[in-house]
Amino acid sequence: MTDHNQPRLTPINEWESEARNILDGVDYDADLGLRMARDAIRVANGELTDAEFHDRYHEAVIEEFGVDRRPTRPEGSEDD
């Protein structure tokens, strides 16, 4: 799954605290956003597939936003 020719993405040390500062006071679940950001890096690094990412967060996104219209939905996925 991992392409060793591609550079590995790693977040800067302060990214999570900076993200929490930015998201402080928003009406949405900041923890969900941070979990998704961590796993988005894993997708970029080839450690998680697009389909796995979508499936992992589909229910939480629907619960948080009422609908899942992310452009990451895997081709052929039937859930909306």
PDB file of N, CA and C in Angstrom:
ATOM      1  N   MET A   1       0.807  -1.186   0.000  1.00  0.00           N
ATOM      2  CA  MET A   1       0.000   0.000   0.000  1.00  0.00           C
ATOM      3  C   MET A   1       0.862   1.266   0.000  1.00  0.00           C
ATOM      4  N   THR A   2       1.956   1.268   0.713  1.00  0.00           N
ATOM      5  CA  THR A   2       2.820   2.433   0.804  1.00  0.00           C
ATOM      6  C   THR A   2       3.761   2.476  -0.386  1.00  0.00           C
ATOM      7  N   ASP A   3       3.866   3.634  -1.026  1.00  0.00           N
ATOM      8  CA  ASP A   3       4.798   3.836  -2.130  1.00  0.00           C
ATOM      9  C   ASP A   3       6.062   4.443  -1.546  1.00  0.00           C
ATOM     10  N   HIS A   4       7.126   3.677  -1.511  1.00  0.00           N
ATOM     11  CA  HIS A   4       8.368   4.126  -0.886  1.00  0.00           C
ATOM     12  C   HIS A   4       9.069   5.218  -1.694  1.00  0.00           C
ATOM     13  N   ASN A   5       8.609   5.469  -2.932  1.00  0.00           N
ATOM     14  CA  ASN A   5       9.188   6.542  -3.742  1.00  0.00           C
ATOM     15  C   ASN A   5       8.569   7.896  -3.423  1.00  0.00           C
ATOM     16  N   GLN A   6       7.435   7.895  -2.758  1.00  0.00           N
ATOM     17  CA  GLN A   6       6.754   9.133  -2.404  1.00  0.00           C
ATOM     18  C   GLN A   6       7.252   9.624  -1.052  1.00  0.00           C
ATOM     19  N   PRO A   7       7.389  10.939  -0.895  1.00  0.00           N
ATOM     20  CA  PRO A   7       7.789  11.446   0.423  1.00  0.00           C
ATOM     21  C   PRO A   7       6.698  11.188   1.445  1.00  0.00           C
ATOM     22  N   ARG A   8       7.103  10.875   2.657  1.00  0.00           N
ATOM     23  CA  ARG A   8       6.161  10.604   3.739  1.00  0.00           C
ATOM     24  C   ARG A   8       5.741  11.923   4.364  1.00  0.00           C
ATOM     25  N   LEU A   9       4.446  12.133   4.507  1.00  0.00           N
ATOM     26  CA  LEU A   9       3.935  13.341   5.132  1.00  0.00           C
ATOM     27  C   LEU A   9       3.900  13.162   6.639  1.00  0.00           C
ATOM     28  N   THR A  10       4.347  14.142   7.342  1.00  0.00           N
ATOM     29  CA  THR A  10       4.258  14.142   8.794  1.00  0.00           C
ATOM     30  C   THR A  10       3.809  15.522   9.223  1.00  0.00           C
ATOM     31  N   PRO A  11       2.876  15.592  10.156  1.00  0.00           N
ATOM     32  CA  PRO A  11       2.419  16.903  10.614  1.00  0.00           C
ATOM     33  C   PRO A  11       3.506  17.578  11.460  1.00  0.00           C
ATOM     34  N   ILE A  12       3.503  18.901  11.448  1.00  0.00           N
ATOM     35  CA  ILE A  12       4.431  19.619  12.316  1.00  0.00           C
ATOM     36  C   ILE A  12       4.041  19.338  13.765  1.00  0.00           C
ATOM     37  N   ASN A  13       4.992  19.434  14.659  1.00  0.00           N
ATOM     38  CA  ASN A  13       4.755  19.083  16.055  1.00  0.00           C
ATOM     39  C   ASN A  13       3.584  19.835  16.671  1.00  0.00           C
ATOM     40  N   GLU A  14       3.412  21.078  16.305  1.00  0.00           N
ATOM     41  CA  GLU A  14       2.398  21.912  16.938  1.00  0.00           C
ATOM     42  C   GLU A  14       1.049  21.891  16.223  1.00  0.00           C
ATOM     43  N   TRP A  15       0.893  21.065  15.187  1.00  0.00           N
ATOM     44  CA  TRP A  15      -0.307  21.163  14.370  1.00  0.00           C
ATOM     45  C   TRP A  15      -1.584  20.934  15.163  1.00  0.00           C
ATOM     46  N   GLU A  16      -1.585  19.964  16.071  1.00  0.00           N
ATOM     47  CA  GLU A  16      -2.822  19.651  16.781  1.00  0.00           C
ATOM     48  C   GLU A  16      -3.216  20.773  17.732  1.00  0.00           C
ATOM     49  N   SER A  17      -2.266  21.332  18.459  1.00  0.00           N
ATOM     50  CA  SER A  17      -2.609  22.431  19.366  1.00  0.00           C
ATOM     51  C   SER A  17      -3.026  23.665  18.572  1.00  0.00           C
ATOM     52  N   GLU A  18      -2.372  23.916  17.444  1.00  0.00           N
ATOM     53  CA  GLU A  18      -2.758  25.048  16.596  1.00  0.00           C
ATOM     54  C   GLU A  18      -4.158  24.828  16.019  1.00  0.00           C
ATOM     55  N   ALA A  19      -4.440  23.609  15.584  1.00  0.00           N
ATOM     56  CA  ALA A  19      -5.768  23.301  15.053  1.00  0.00           C
ATOM     57  C   ALA A  19      -6.832  23.471  16.136  1.00  0.00           C
ATOM     58  N   ARG A  20      -6.548  23.018  17.350  1.00  0.00           N
ATOM     59  CA  ARG A  20      -7.505  23.192  18.450  1.00  0.00           C
ATOM     60  C   ARG A  20      -7.756  24.676  18.721  1.00  0.00           C
ATOM     61  N   ASN A  21      -6.714  25.493  18.664  1.00  0.00           N
ATOM     62  CA  ASN A  21      -6.881  26.937  18.856  1.00  0.00           C
ATOM     63  C   ASN A  21      -7.773  27.534  17.778  1.00  0.00           C
ATOM     64  N   ILE A  22      -7.574  27.115  16.550  1.00  0.00           N
ATOM     65  CA  ILE A  22      -8.379  27.628  15.429  1.00  0.00           C
ATOM     66  C   ILE A  22      -9.837  27.193  15.582  1.00  0.00           C
ATOM     67  N   LEU A  23     -10.043  25.945  16.013  1.00  0.00           N
ATOM     68  CA  LEU A  23     -11.393  25.391  16.098  1.00  0.00           C
ATOM     69  C   LEU A  23     -12.115  25.722  17.407  1.00  0.00           C
ATOM     70  N   ASP A  24     -11.423  26.337  18.335  1.00  0.00           N
ATOM     71  CA  ASP A  24     -12.032  26.678  19.619  1.00  0.00           C
ATOM     72  C   ASP A  24     -13.248  27.577  19.404  1.00  0.00           C
ATOM     73  N   GLY A  25     -14.374  27.146  19.902  1.00  0.00           N
ATOM     74  CA  GLY A  25     -15.585  27.945  19.806  1.00  0.00           C
ATOM     75  C   GLY A  25     -16.455  27.677  18.593  1.00  0.00           C
ATOM     76  N   VAL A  26     -16.035  26.792  17.689  1.00  0.00           N
ATOM     77  CA  VAL A  26     -16.896  26.480  16.549  1.00  0.00           C
ATOM     78  C   VAL A  26     -18.018  25.560  17.004  1.00  0.00           C
ATOM     79  N   ASP A  27     -19.073  25.524  16.241  1.00  0.00           N
ATOM     80  CA  ASP A  27     -20.235  24.712  16.597  1.00  0.00           C
ATOM     81  C   ASP A  27     -20.088  23.244  16.213  1.00  0.00           C
ATOM     82  N   TYR A  28     -18.992  22.878  15.574  1.00  0.00           N
ATOM     83  CA  TYR A  28     -18.808  21.517  15.108  1.00  0.00           C
ATOM     84  C   TYR A  28     -17.832  20.759  15.997  1.00  0.00           C
ATOM     85  N   ASP A  29     -17.803  19.459  15.859  1.00  0.00           N
ATOM     86  CA  ASP A  29     -16.969  18.566  16.660  1.00  0.00           C
ATOM     87  C   ASP A  29     -15.504  18.670  16.225  1.00  0.00           C
ATOM     88  N   ALA A  30     -14.720  19.428  16.980  1.00  0.00           N
ATOM     89  CA  ALA A  30     -13.304  19.621  16.661  1.00  0.00           C
ATOM     90  C   ALA A  30     -12.543  18.303  16.736  1.00  0.00           C
ATOM     91  N   ASP A  31     -12.901  17.433  17.668  1.00  0.00           N
ATOM     92  CA  ASP A  31     -12.214  16.148  17.782  1.00  0.00           C
ATOM     93  C   ASP A  31     -12.414  15.301  16.521  1.00  0.00           C
ATOM     94  N   LEU A  32     -13.602  15.338  15.957  1.00  0.00           N
ATOM     95  CA  LEU A  32     -13.857  14.620  14.708  1.00  0.00           C
ATOM     96  C   LEU A  32     -12.952  15.171  13.611  1.00  0.00           C
ATOM     97  N   GLY A  33     -12.873  16.476  13.506  1.00  0.00           N
ATOM     98  CA  GLY A  33     -12.011  17.092  12.500  1.00  0.00           C
ATOM     99  C   GLY A  33     -10.551  16.716  12.672  1.00  0.00           C
ATOM    100  N   LEU A  34     -10.085  16.685  13.909  1.00  0.00           N
ATOM    101  CA  LEU A  34      -8.693  16.317  14.167  1.00  0.00           C
ATOM    102  C   LEU A  34      -8.430  14.847  13.842  1.00  0.00           C
ATOM    103  N   ARG A  35      -9.374  13.972  14.180  1.00  0.00           N
ATOM    104  CA  ARG A  35      -9.212  12.547  13.838  1.00  0.00           C
ATOM    105  C   ARG A  35      -9.177  12.369  12.326  1.00  0.00           C
ATOM    106  N   MET A  36     -10.053  13.087  11.638  1.00  0.00           N
ATOM    107  CA  MET A  36     -10.082  12.991  10.184  1.00  0.00           C
ATOM    108  C   MET A  36      -8.793  13.531   9.580  1.00  0.00           C
ATOM    109  N   ALA A  37      -8.257  14.603  10.144  1.00  0.00           N
ATOM    110  CA  ALA A  37      -7.000  15.162   9.641  1.00  0.00           C
ATOM    111  C   ALA A  37      -5.857  14.175   9.815  1.00  0.00           C
ATOM    112  N   ARG A  38      -5.783  13.529  10.977  1.00  0.00           N
ATOM    113  CA  ARG A  38      -4.735  12.523  11.203  1.00  0.00           C
ATOM    114  C   ARG A  38      -4.835  11.406  10.166  1.00  0.00           C
ATOM    115  N   ASP A  39      -6.060  10.930   9.940  1.00  0.00           N
ATOM    116  CA  ASP A  39      -6.236   9.838   8.988  1.00  0.00           C
ATOM    117  C   ASP A  39      -6.075  10.299   7.543  1.00  0.00           C
ATOM    118  N   ALA A  40      -6.329  11.558   7.247  1.00  0.00           N
ATOM    119  CA  ALA A  40      -6.079  12.075   5.900  1.00  0.00           C
ATOM    120  C   ALA A  40      -4.583  11.997   5.585  1.00  0.00           C
ATOM    121  N   ILE A  41      -3.756  12.248   6.584  1.00  0.00           N
ATOM    122  CA  ILE A  41      -2.310  12.102   6.404  1.00  0.00           C
ATOM    123  C   ILE A  41      -1.974  10.640   6.147  1.00  0.00           C
ATOM    124  N   ARG A  42      -2.650   9.746   6.865  1.00  0.00           N
ATOM    125  CA  ARG A  42      -2.428   8.317   6.641  1.00  0.00           C
ATOM    126  C   ARG A  42      -2.829   7.910   5.216  1.00  0.00           C
ATOM    127  N   VAL A  43      -3.917   8.500   4.687  1.00  0.00           N
ATOM    128  CA  VAL A  43      -4.317   8.223   3.304  1.00  0.00           C
ATOM    129  C   VAL A  43      -3.232   8.718   2.353  1.00  0.00           C
ATOM    130  N   ALA A  44      -2.764   9.940   2.582  1.00  0.00           N
ATOM    131  CA  ALA A  44      -1.726  10.511   1.716  1.00  0.00           C
ATOM    132  C   ALA A  44      -0.452   9.677   1.743  1.00  0.00           C
ATOM    133  N   ASN A  45      -0.171   9.047   2.879  1.00  0.00           N
ATOM    134  CA  ASN A  45       1.020   8.212   3.018  1.00  0.00           C
ATOM    135  C   ASN A  45       0.798   6.783   2.535  1.00  0.00           C
ATOM    136  N   GLY A  46      -0.422   6.469   2.102  1.00  0.00           N
ATOM    137  CA  GLY A  46      -0.705   5.132   1.606  1.00  0.00           C
ATOM    138  C   GLY A  46      -0.944   4.101   2.700  1.00  0.00           C
ATOM    139  N   GLU A  47      -1.153   4.552   3.916  1.00  0.00           N
ATOM    140  CA  GLU A  47      -1.377   3.644   5.039  1.00  0.00           C
ATOM    141  C   GLU A  47      -2.853   3.309   5.226  1.00  0.00           C
ATOM    142  N   LEU A  48      -3.721   4.043   4.547  1.00  0.00           N
ATOM    143  CA  LEU A  48      -5.172   3.890   4.653  1.00  0.00           C
ATOM    144  C   LEU A  48      -5.729   4.196   3.274  1.00  0.00           C
ATOM    145  N   THR A  49      -6.698   3.425   2.794  1.00  0.00           N
ATOM    146  CA  THR A  49      -7.284   3.688   1.477  1.00  0.00           C
ATOM    147  C   THR A  49      -8.381   4.743   1.578  1.00  0.00           C
ATOM    148  N   ASP A  50      -8.719   5.319   0.434  1.00  0.00           N
ATOM    149  CA  ASP A  50      -9.835   6.269   0.388  1.00  0.00           C
ATOM    150  C   ASP A  50     -11.111   5.619   0.914  1.00  0.00           C
ATOM    151  N   ALA A  51     -11.346   4.373   0.511  1.00  0.00           N
ATOM    152  CA  ALA A  51     -12.560   3.662   0.941  1.00  0.00           C
ATOM    153  C   ALA A  51     -12.564   3.448   2.448  1.00  0.00           C
ATOM    154  N   GLU A  52     -11.416   3.066   3.005  1.00  0.00           N
ATOM    155  CA  GLU A  52     -11.341   2.878   4.452  1.00  0.00           C
ATOM    156  C   GLU A  52     -11.596   4.187   5.190  1.00  0.00           C
ATOM    157  N   PHE A  53     -11.028   5.267   4.667  1.00  0.00           N
ATOM    158  CA  PHE A  53     -11.227   6.588   5.272  1.00  0.00           C
ATOM    159  C   PHE A  53     -12.709   6.950   5.246  1.00  0.00           C
ATOM    160  N   HIS A  54     -13.337   6.779   4.096  1.00  0.00           N
ATOM    161  CA  HIS A  54     -14.752   7.110   3.967  1.00  0.00           C
ATOM    162  C   HIS A  54     -15.590   6.278   4.921  1.00  0.00           C
ATOM    163  N   ASP A  55     -15.359   4.982   4.923  1.00  0.00           N
ATOM    164  CA  ASP A  55     -16.141   4.094   5.787  1.00  0.00           C
ATOM    165  C   ASP A  55     -15.936   4.413   7.267  1.00  0.00           C
ATOM    166  N   ARG A  56     -14.716   4.742   7.629  1.00  0.00           N
ATOM    167  CA  ARG A  56     -14.402   5.023   9.032  1.00  0.00           C
ATOM    168  C   ARG A  56     -15.183   6.228   9.557  1.00  0.00           C
ATOM    169  N   TYR A  57     -15.438   7.218   8.708  1.00  0.00           N
ATOM    170  CA  TYR A  57     -16.048   8.466   9.174  1.00  0.00           C
ATOM    171  C   TYR A  57     -17.461   8.722   8.659  1.00  0.00           C
ATOM    172  N   HIS A  58     -17.973   7.831   7.824  1.00  0.00           N
ATOM    173  CA  HIS A  58     -19.279   8.062   7.218  1.00  0.00           C
ATOM    174  C   HIS A  58     -20.374   8.339   8.256  1.00  0.00           C
ATOM    175  N   GLU A  59     -20.531   7.452   9.209  1.00  0.00           N
ATOM    176  CA  GLU A  59     -21.596   7.621  10.215  1.00  0.00           C
ATOM    177  C   GLU A  59     -21.384   8.879  11.063  1.00  0.00           C
ATOM    178  N   ALA A  60     -20.145   9.155  11.448  1.00  0.00           N
ATOM    179  CA  ALA A  60     -19.857  10.334  12.270  1.00  0.00           C
ATOM    180  C   ALA A  60     -20.138  11.621  11.502  1.00  0.00           C
ATOM    181  N   VAL A  61     -19.830  11.632  10.203  1.00  0.00           N
ATOM    182  CA  VAL A  61     -20.098  12.815   9.384  1.00  0.00           C
ATOM    183  C   VAL A  61     -21.605  13.026   9.256  1.00  0.00           C
ATOM    184  N   ILE A  62     -22.356  11.959   9.054  1.00  0.00           N
ATOM    185  CA  ILE A  62     -23.816  12.079   8.976  1.00  0.00           C
ATOM    186  C   ILE A  62     -24.367  12.578  10.309  1.00  0.00           C
ATOM    187  N   GLU A  63     -23.872  12.026  11.404  1.00  0.00           N
ATOM    188  CA  GLU A  63     -24.340  12.454  12.724  1.00  0.00           C
ATOM    189  C   GLU A  63     -24.039  13.935  12.965  1.00  0.00           C
ATOM    190  N   GLU A  64     -22.865  14.370  12.558  1.00  0.00           N
ATOM    191  CA  GLU A  64     -22.447  15.758  12.808  1.00  0.00           C
ATOM    192  C   GLU A  64     -23.124  16.756  11.874  1.00  0.00           C
ATOM    193  N   PHE A  65     -23.244  16.401  10.581  1.00  0.00           N
ATOM    194  CA  PHE A  65     -23.709  17.358   9.581  1.00  0.00           C
ATOM    195  C   PHE A  65     -25.059  17.017   8.961  1.00  0.00           C
ATOM    196  N   GLY A  66     -25.592  15.826   9.269  1.00  0.00           N
ATOM    197  CA  GLY A  66     -26.890  15.442   8.732  1.00  0.00           C
ATOM    198  C   GLY A  66     -26.819  14.793   7.362  1.00  0.00           C
ATOM    199  N   VAL A  67     -25.680  14.866   6.706  1.00  0.00           N
ATOM    200  CA  VAL A  67     -25.488  14.301   5.375  1.00  0.00           C
ATOM    201  C   VAL A  67     -23.990  14.128   5.163  1.00  0.00           C
ATOM    202  N   ASP A  68     -23.620  13.178   4.319  1.00  0.00           N
ATOM    203  CA  ASP A  68     -22.208  12.974   3.987  1.00  0.00           C
ATOM    204  C   ASP A  68     -22.036  13.222   2.502  1.00  0.00           C
ATOM    205  N   ARG A  69     -21.637  14.409   2.154  1.00  0.00           N
ATOM    206  CA  ARG A  69     -21.418  14.764   0.750  1.00  0.00           C
ATOM    207  C   ARG A  69     -19.937  15.008   0.460  1.00  0.00           C
ATOM    208  N   ARG A  70     -19.081  14.326   1.243  1.00  0.00           N
ATOM    209  CA  ARG A  70     -17.646  14.495   1.023  1.00  0.00           C
ATOM    210  C   ARG A  70     -17.273  13.984  -0.362  1.00  0.00           C
ATOM    211  N   PRO A  71     -16.345  14.652  -1.012  1.00  0.00           N
ATOM    212  CA  PRO A  71     -15.915  14.205  -2.344  1.00  0.00           C
ATOM    213  C   PRO A  71     -15.033  12.961  -2.288  1.00  0.00           C
ATOM    214  N   THR A  72     -14.809  12.418  -1.088  1.00  0.00           N
ATOM    215  CA  THR A  72     -13.956  11.242  -0.955  1.00  0.00           C
ATOM    216  C   THR A  72     -14.716   9.940  -1.082  1.00  0.00           C
ATOM    217  N   ARG A  73     -16.029  10.015  -1.298  1.00  0.00           N
ATOM    218  CA  ARG A  73     -16.809   8.786  -1.378  1.00  0.00           C
ATOM    219  C   ARG A  73     -16.240   7.893  -2.474  1.00  0.00           C
ATOM    220  N   PRO A  74     -15.898   6.676  -2.144  1.00  0.00           N
ATOM    221  CA  PRO A  74     -15.314   5.766  -3.133  1.00  0.00           C
ATOM    222  C   PRO A  74     -16.273   5.490  -4.291  1.00  0.00           C
ATOM    223  N   GLU A  75     -15.731   5.333  -5.456  1.00  0.00           N
ATOM    224  CA  GLU A  75     -16.532   5.020  -6.635  1.00  0.00           C
ATOM    225  C   GLU A  75     -17.333   3.755  -6.378  1.00  0.00           C
ATOM    226  N   GLY A  76     -18.620   3.797  -6.698  1.00  0.00           N
ATOM    227  CA  GLY A  76     -19.492   2.645  -6.516  1.00  0.00           C
ATOM    228  C   GLY A  76     -20.132   2.558  -5.156  1.00  0.00           C
ATOM    229  N   SER A  77     -19.787   3.488  -4.254  1.00  0.00           N
ATOM    230  CA  SER A  77     -20.389   3.482  -2.925  1.00  0.00           C
ATOM    231  C   SER A  77     -21.845   3.866  -3.053  1.00  0.00           C
ATOM    232  N   GLU A  78     -22.686   3.155  -2.334  1.00  0.00           N
ATOM    233  CA  GLU A  78     -24.119   3.408  -2.455  1.00  0.00           C
ATOM    234  C   GLU A  78     -24.685   4.218  -1.306  1.00  0.00           C
ATOM    235  N   ASP A  79     -23.893   4.523  -0.279  1.00  0.00           N
ATOM    236  CA  ASP A  79     -24.438   5.255   0.855  1.00  0.00           C
ATOM    237  C   ASP A  79     -24.400   6.755   0.603  1.00  0.00           C
ATOM    238  N   ASP A  80     -25.437   7.434   1.104  1.00  0.00           N
ATOM    239  CA  ASP A  80     -25.529   8.898   0.964  1.00  0.00           C
ATOM    240  C   ASP A  80     -25.744   9.531   2.304  1.00  0.00           C
TER     241      ASP A  80
END
